[in-house]
Amino acid sequence: MSSTSAVSTPQDQIDQLMRQTAEEANIELQHDLAAKNLDAVASLSPQEKIGEEDGKLAERLRALRPAS
């Protein structure tokens, strides 16, 4: 059987390790997304847009298929 164990690590050590890892990977680490202004983030497309894209793709596919 397998056994598990839990360890309590101080939050400041976790944060420091995450910052270090992010720096090594050359990425920007952002905490607390709820407090950030996310207006610049694109919202999900409405279903009409997806349906319109599907229609255009189906049209292009029909044009590529040989007439039978």
PDB file of N, CA and C in Angstrom:
ATOM      1  N   MET A   1       0.825  -1.168   0.000  1.00  0.00           N
ATOM      2  CA  MET A   1       0.000   0.000   0.000  1.00  0.00           C
ATOM      3  C   MET A   1       0.878   1.243   0.000  1.00  0.00           C
ATOM      4  N   SER A   2       0.335   2.284  -0.554  1.00  0.00           N
ATOM      5  CA  SER A   2       1.085   3.529  -0.567  1.00  0.00           C
ATOM      6  C   SER A   2       0.696   4.383   0.630  1.00  0.00           C
ATOM      7  N   SER A   3       1.608   5.204   1.041  1.00  0.00           N
ATOM      8  CA  SER A   3       1.322   6.099   2.154  1.00  0.00           C
ATOM      9  C   SER A   3       1.543   7.535   1.704  1.00  0.00           C
ATOM     10  N   THR A   4       0.858   8.449   2.338  1.00  0.00           N
ATOM     11  CA  THR A   4       1.012   9.861   2.010  1.00  0.00           C
ATOM     12  C   THR A   4       1.349  10.626   3.271  1.00  0.00           C
ATOM     13  N   SER A   5       1.985  11.756   3.070  1.00  0.00           N
ATOM     14  CA  SER A   5       2.282  12.619   4.202  1.00  0.00           C
ATOM     15  C   SER A   5       2.067  14.061   3.776  1.00  0.00           C
ATOM     16  N   ALA A   6       1.703  14.887   4.700  1.00  0.00           N
ATOM     17  CA  ALA A   6       1.470  16.297   4.426  1.00  0.00           C
ATOM     18  C   ALA A   6       2.502  17.119   5.174  1.00  0.00           C
ATOM     19  N   VAL A   7       2.928  18.191   4.534  1.00  0.00           N
ATOM     20  CA  VAL A   7       3.895  19.067   5.168  1.00  0.00           C
ATOM     21  C   VAL A   7       3.352  20.488   5.115  1.00  0.00           C
ATOM     22  N   SER A   8       3.646  21.230   6.115  1.00  0.00           N
ATOM     23  CA  SER A   8       3.214  22.622   6.141  1.00  0.00           C
ATOM     24  C   SER A   8       4.419  23.492   5.805  1.00  0.00           C
ATOM     25  N   THR A   9       4.345  24.187   4.679  1.00  0.00           N
ATOM     26  CA  THR A   9       5.425  25.055   4.245  1.00  0.00           C
ATOM     27  C   THR A   9       4.964  26.502   4.385  1.00  0.00           C
ATOM     28  N   PRO A  10       5.783  27.357   4.974  1.00  0.00           N
ATOM     29  CA  PRO A  10       5.397  28.758   5.119  1.00  0.00           C
ATOM     30  C   PRO A  10       5.127  29.416   3.758  1.00  0.00           C
ATOM     31  N   GLN A  11       4.102  30.262   3.700  1.00  0.00           N
ATOM     32  CA  GLN A  11       3.691  30.892   2.447  1.00  0.00           C
ATOM     33  C   GLN A  11       4.804  31.726   1.821  1.00  0.00           C
ATOM     34  N   ASP A  12       5.623  32.397   2.650  1.00  0.00           N
ATOM     35  CA  ASP A  12       6.693  33.217   2.091  1.00  0.00           C
ATOM     36  C   ASP A  12       7.724  32.375   1.351  1.00  0.00           C
ATOM     37  N   GLN A  13       7.975  31.156   1.816  1.00  0.00           N
ATOM     38  CA  GLN A  13       8.903  30.269   1.115  1.00  0.00           C
ATOM     39  C   GLN A  13       8.300  29.807  -0.219  1.00  0.00           C
ATOM     40  N   ILE A  14       7.004  29.547  -0.224  1.00  0.00           N
ATOM     41  CA  ILE A  14       6.322  29.148  -1.458  1.00  0.00           C
ATOM     42  C   ILE A  14       6.372  30.284  -2.467  1.00  0.00           C
ATOM     43  N   ASP A  15       6.061  31.505  -2.009  1.00  0.00           N
ATOM     44  CA  ASP A  15       6.088  32.665  -2.895  1.00  0.00           C
ATOM     45  C   ASP A  15       7.483  32.901  -3.468  1.00  0.00           C
ATOM     46  N   GLN A  16       8.510  32.780  -2.621  1.00  0.00           N
ATOM     47  CA  GLN A  16       9.882  32.970  -3.071  1.00  0.00           C
ATOM     48  C   GLN A  16      10.260  31.929  -4.129  1.00  0.00           C
ATOM     49  N   LEU A  17       9.886  30.686  -3.910  1.00  0.00           N
ATOM     50  CA  LEU A  17      10.184  29.628  -4.869  1.00  0.00           C
ATOM     51  C   LEU A  17       9.450  29.870  -6.194  1.00  0.00           C
ATOM     52  N   MET A  18       8.209  30.326  -6.116  1.00  0.00           N
ATOM     53  CA  MET A  18       7.453  30.615  -7.335  1.00  0.00           C
ATOM     54  C   MET A  18       8.090  31.776  -8.101  1.00  0.00           C
ATOM     55  N   ARG A  19       8.530  32.826  -7.386  1.00  0.00           N
ATOM     56  CA  ARG A  19       9.201  33.954  -8.053  1.00  0.00           C
ATOM     57  C   ARG A  19      10.488  33.501  -8.714  1.00  0.00           C
ATOM     58  N   GLN A  20      11.267  32.689  -7.999  1.00  0.00           N
ATOM     59  CA  GLN A  20      12.538  32.196  -8.526  1.00  0.00           C
ATOM     60  C   GLN A  20      12.302  31.355  -9.785  1.00  0.00           C
ATOM     61  N   THR A  21      11.325  30.474  -9.723  1.00  0.00           N
ATOM     62  CA  THR A  21      11.014  29.624 -10.867  1.00  0.00           C
ATOM     63  C   THR A  21      10.547  30.460 -12.048  1.00  0.00           C
ATOM     64  N   ALA A  22       9.718  31.458 -11.790  1.00  0.00           N
ATOM     65  CA  ALA A  22       9.223  32.329 -12.857  1.00  0.00           C
ATOM     66  C   ALA A  22      10.372  33.102 -13.490  1.00  0.00           C
ATOM     67  N   GLU A  23      11.295  33.599 -12.675  1.00  0.00           N
ATOM     68  CA  GLU A  23      12.446  34.326 -13.215  1.00  0.00           C
ATOM     69  C   GLU A  23      13.304  33.418 -14.084  1.00  0.00           C
ATOM     70  N   GLU A  24      13.525  32.196 -13.642  1.00  0.00           N
ATOM     71  CA  GLU A  24      14.329  31.257 -14.418  1.00  0.00           C
ATOM     72  C   GLU A  24      13.659  30.902 -15.736  1.00  0.00           C
ATOM     73  N   ALA A  25      12.334  30.847 -15.733  1.00  0.00           N
ATOM     74  CA  ALA A  25      11.598  30.516 -16.951  1.00  0.00           C
ATOM     75  C   ALA A  25      11.318  31.758 -17.787  1.00  0.00           C
ATOM     76  N   ASN A  26      11.742  32.920 -17.296  1.00  0.00           N
ATOM     77  CA  ASN A  26      11.571  34.187 -17.992  1.00  0.00           C
ATOM     78  C   ASN A  26      10.095  34.487 -18.244  1.00  0.00           C
ATOM     79  N   ILE A  27       9.277  34.292 -17.200  1.00  0.00           N
ATOM     80  CA  ILE A  27       7.859  34.621 -17.303  1.00  0.00           C
ATOM     81  C   ILE A  27       7.478  35.580 -16.189  1.00  0.00           C
ATOM     82  N   GLU A  28       6.408  36.321 -16.422  1.00  0.00           N
ATOM     83  CA  GLU A  28       5.932  37.265 -15.422  1.00  0.00           C
ATOM     84  C   GLU A  28       4.912  36.569 -14.535  1.00  0.00           C
ATOM     85  N   LEU A  29       5.118  36.654 -13.248  1.00  0.00           N
ATOM     86  CA  LEU A  29       4.236  36.007 -12.294  1.00  0.00           C
ATOM     87  C   LEU A  29       3.278  37.049 -11.733  1.00  0.00           C
ATOM     88  N   GLN A  30       1.981  36.786 -11.822  1.00  0.00           N
ATOM     89  CA  GLN A  30       0.989  37.721 -11.302  1.00  0.00           C
ATOM     90  C   GLN A  30       0.110  36.999 -10.302  1.00  0.00           C
ATOM     91  N   HIS A  31       0.041  37.558  -9.127  1.00  0.00           N
ATOM     92  CA  HIS A  31      -0.820  37.020  -8.080  1.00  0.00           C
ATOM     93  C   HIS A  31      -2.091  37.858  -8.015  1.00  0.00           C
ATOM     94  N   ASP A  32      -3.090  37.335  -7.381  1.00  0.00           N
ATOM     95  CA  ASP A  32      -4.312  38.062  -7.077  1.00  0.00           C
ATOM     96  C   ASP A  32      -4.980  38.605  -8.348  1.00  0.00           C
ATOM     97  N   LEU A  33      -5.341  37.709  -9.240  1.00  0.00           N
ATOM     98  CA  LEU A  33      -6.000  38.111 -10.478  1.00  0.00           C
ATOM     99  C   LEU A  33      -7.330  38.806 -10.220  1.00  0.00           C
ATOM    100  N   ALA A  34      -7.968  38.490  -9.118  1.00  0.00           N
ATOM    101  CA  ALA A  34      -9.257  39.108  -8.813  1.00  0.00           C
ATOM    102  C   ALA A  34      -9.111  40.611  -8.618  1.00  0.00           C
ATOM    103  N   ALA A  35      -7.961  41.064  -8.175  1.00  0.00           N
ATOM    104  CA  ALA A  35      -7.751  42.484  -7.932  1.00  0.00           C
ATOM    105  C   ALA A  35      -7.246  43.213  -9.179  1.00  0.00           C
ATOM    106  N   LYS A  36      -6.907  42.500 -10.217  1.00  0.00           N
ATOM    107  CA  LYS A  36      -6.364  43.105 -11.432  1.00  0.00           C
ATOM    108  C   LYS A  36      -7.477  43.626 -12.323  1.00  0.00           C
ATOM    109  N   ASN A  37      -7.146  44.622 -13.119  1.00  0.00           N
ATOM    110  CA  ASN A  37      -8.077  45.145 -14.110  1.00  0.00           C
ATOM    111  C   ASN A  37      -7.955  44.263 -15.350  1.00  0.00           C
ATOM    112  N   LEU A  38      -8.978  43.497 -15.635  1.00  0.00           N
ATOM    113  CA  LEU A  38      -8.939  42.553 -16.744  1.00  0.00           C
ATOM    114  C   LEU A  38      -9.714  43.060 -17.958  1.00  0.00           C
ATOM    115  N   ASP A  39      -9.921  44.380 -18.067  1.00  0.00           N
ATOM    116  CA  ASP A  39     -10.652  44.932 -19.208  1.00  0.00           C
ATOM    117  C   ASP A  39      -9.930  44.672 -20.529  1.00  0.00           C
ATOM    118  N   ALA A  40      -8.600  44.598 -20.482  1.00  0.00           N
ATOM    119  CA  ALA A  40      -7.826  44.395 -21.710  1.00  0.00           C
ATOM    120  C   ALA A  40      -7.892  42.960 -22.209  1.00  0.00           C
ATOM    121  N   VAL A  41      -8.347  42.043 -21.375  1.00  0.00           N
ATOM    122  CA  VAL A  41      -8.443  40.642 -21.763  1.00  0.00           C
ATOM    123  C   VAL A  41      -9.690  40.450 -22.618  1.00  0.00           C
ATOM    124  N   ALA A  42      -9.518  39.817 -23.745  1.00  0.00           N
ATOM    125  CA  ALA A  42     -10.650  39.606 -24.654  1.00  0.00           C
ATOM    126  C   ALA A  42     -11.678  38.691 -24.013  1.00  0.00           C
ATOM    127  N   SER A  43     -12.923  39.031 -24.195  1.00  0.00           N
ATOM    128  CA  SER A  43     -13.979  38.178 -23.660  1.00  0.00           C
ATOM    129  C   SER A  43     -14.248  37.032 -24.633  1.00  0.00           C
ATOM    130  N   LEU A  44     -14.944  36.028 -24.164  1.00  0.00           N
ATOM    131  CA  LEU A  44     -15.257  34.886 -25.015  1.00  0.00           C
ATOM    132  C   LEU A  44     -16.209  35.310 -26.128  1.00  0.00           C
ATOM    133  N   SER A  45     -16.060  34.709 -27.275  1.00  0.00           N
ATOM    134  CA  SER A  45     -16.896  35.043 -28.422  1.00  0.00           C
ATOM    135  C   SER A  45     -18.327  34.582 -28.200  1.00  0.00           C
ATOM    136  N   PRO A  46     -19.279  35.373 -28.648  1.00  0.00           N
ATOM    137  CA  PRO A  46     -20.675  34.911 -28.556  1.00  0.00           C
ATOM    138  C   PRO A  46     -20.932  33.782 -29.547  1.00  0.00           C
ATOM    139  N   GLN A  47     -21.974  33.019 -29.299  1.00  0.00           N
ATOM    140  CA  GLN A  47     -22.292  31.860 -30.142  1.00  0.00           C
ATOM    141  C   GLN A  47     -22.541  32.265 -31.590  1.00  0.00           C
ATOM    142  N   GLU A  48     -23.093  33.455 -31.818  1.00  0.00           N
ATOM    143  CA  GLU A  48     -23.360  33.865 -33.200  1.00  0.00           C
ATOM    144  C   GLU A  48     -22.069  33.929 -34.012  1.00  0.00           C
ATOM    145  N   LYS A  49     -21.016  34.454 -33.395  1.00  0.00           N
ATOM    146  CA  LYS A  49     -19.740  34.552 -34.091  1.00  0.00           C
ATOM    147  C   LYS A  49     -19.201  33.173 -34.451  1.00  0.00           C
ATOM    148  N   ILE A  50     -19.330  32.243 -33.520  1.00  0.00           N
ATOM    149  CA  ILE A  50     -18.857  30.884 -33.766  1.00  0.00           C
ATOM    150  C   ILE A  50     -19.663  30.254 -34.896  1.00  0.00           C
ATOM    151  N   GLY A  51     -20.979  30.442 -34.870  1.00  0.00           N
ATOM    152  CA  GLY A  51     -21.827  29.910 -35.933  1.00  0.00           C
ATOM    153  C   GLY A  51     -21.475  30.505 -37.286  1.00  0.00           C
ATOM    154  N   GLU A  52     -21.173  31.798 -37.292  1.00  0.00           N
ATOM    155  CA  GLU A  52     -20.786  32.474 -38.536  1.00  0.00           C
ATOM    156  C   GLU A  52     -19.475  31.892 -39.065  1.00  0.00           C
ATOM    157  N   GLU A  53     -18.511  31.674 -38.174  1.00  0.00           N
ATOM    158  CA  GLU A  53     -17.235  31.079 -38.582  1.00  0.00           C
ATOM    159  C   GLU A  53     -17.445  29.662 -39.105  1.00  0.00           C
ATOM    160  N   ASP A  54     -18.300  28.896 -38.435  1.00  0.00           N
ATOM    161  CA  ASP A  54     -18.587  27.538 -38.890  1.00  0.00           C
ATOM    162  C   ASP A  54     -19.178  27.551 -40.288  1.00  0.00           C
ATOM    163  N   GLY A  55     -20.085  28.496 -40.538  1.00  0.00           N
ATOM    164  CA  GLY A  55     -20.698  28.610 -41.860  1.00  0.00           C
ATOM    165  C   GLY A  55     -19.662  28.930 -42.928  1.00  0.00           C
ATOM    166  N   LYS A  56     -18.764  29.843 -42.617  1.00  0.00           N
ATOM    167  CA  LYS A  56     -17.717  30.216 -43.578  1.00  0.00           C
ATOM    168  C   LYS A  56     -16.785  29.038 -43.844  1.00  0.00           C
ATOM    169  N   LEU A  57     -16.440  28.300 -42.788  1.00  0.00           N
ATOM    170  CA  LEU A  57     -15.573  27.138 -42.967  1.00  0.00           C
ATOM    171  C   LEU A  57     -16.252  26.052 -43.791  1.00  0.00           C
ATOM    172  N   ALA A  58     -17.539  25.832 -43.551  1.00  0.00           N
ATOM    173  CA  ALA A  58     -18.276  24.824 -44.318  1.00  0.00           C
ATOM    174  C   ALA A  58     -18.331  25.222 -45.786  1.00  0.00           C
ATOM    175  N   GLU A  59     -18.513  26.516 -46.048  1.00  0.00           N
ATOM    176  CA  GLU A  59     -18.534  27.024 -47.424  1.00  0.00           C
ATOM    177  C   GLU A  59     -17.197  26.768 -48.112  1.00  0.00           C
ATOM    178  N   ARG A  60     -16.107  27.057 -47.416  1.00  0.00           N
ATOM    179  CA  ARG A  60     -14.779  26.839 -47.989  1.00  0.00           C
ATOM    180  C   ARG A  60     -14.520  25.366 -48.249  1.00  0.00           C
ATOM    181  N   LEU A  61     -14.991  24.511 -47.330  1.00  0.00           N
ATOM    182  CA  LEU A  61     -14.809  23.080 -47.507  1.00  0.00           C
ATOM    183  C   LEU A  61     -15.586  22.574 -48.723  1.00  0.00           C
ATOM    184  N   ARG A  62     -16.813  23.052 -48.896  1.00  0.00           N
ATOM    185  CA  ARG A  62     -17.593  22.664 -50.081  1.00  0.00           C
ATOM    186  C   ARG A  62     -16.907  23.089 -51.360  1.00  0.00           C
ATOM    187  N   ALA A  63     -16.289  24.244 -51.366  1.00  0.00           N
ATOM    188  CA  ALA A  63     -15.597  24.740 -52.553  1.00  0.00           C
ATOM    189  C   ALA A  63     -14.372  23.884 -52.862  1.00  0.00           C
ATOM    190  N   LEU A  64     -13.743  23.311 -51.861  1.00  0.00           N
ATOM    191  CA  LEU A  64     -12.551  22.486 -52.074  1.00  0.00           C
ATOM    192  C   LEU A  64     -12.864  21.070 -52.506  1.00  0.00           C
ATOM    193  N   ARG A  65     -14.033  20.578 -52.133  1.00  0.00           N
ATOM    194  CA  ARG A  65     -14.396  19.208 -52.480  1.00  0.00           C
ATOM    195  C   ARG A  65     -14.760  19.123 -53.967  1.00  0.00           C
ATOM    196  N   PRO A  66     -14.383  17.999 -54.607  1.00  0.00           N
ATOM    197  CA  PRO A  66     -14.755  17.834 -56.007  1.00  0.00           C
ATOM    198  C   PRO A  66     -16.263  17.616 -56.130  1.00  0.00           C
ATOM    199  N   ALA A  67     -16.832  18.133 -57.205  1.00  0.00           N
ATOM    200  CA  ALA A  67     -18.277  17.948 -57.438  1.00  0.00           C
ATOM    201  C   ALA A  67     -18.560  16.474 -57.702  1.00  0.00           C
ATOM    202  N   SER A  68     -19.641  15.941 -57.130  1.00  0.00           N
ATOM    203  CA  SER A  68     -19.945  14.526 -57.339  1.00  0.00           C
ATOM    204  C   SER A  68     -21.209  14.343 -58.092  1.00  0.00           C
TER     205      SER A  68
END
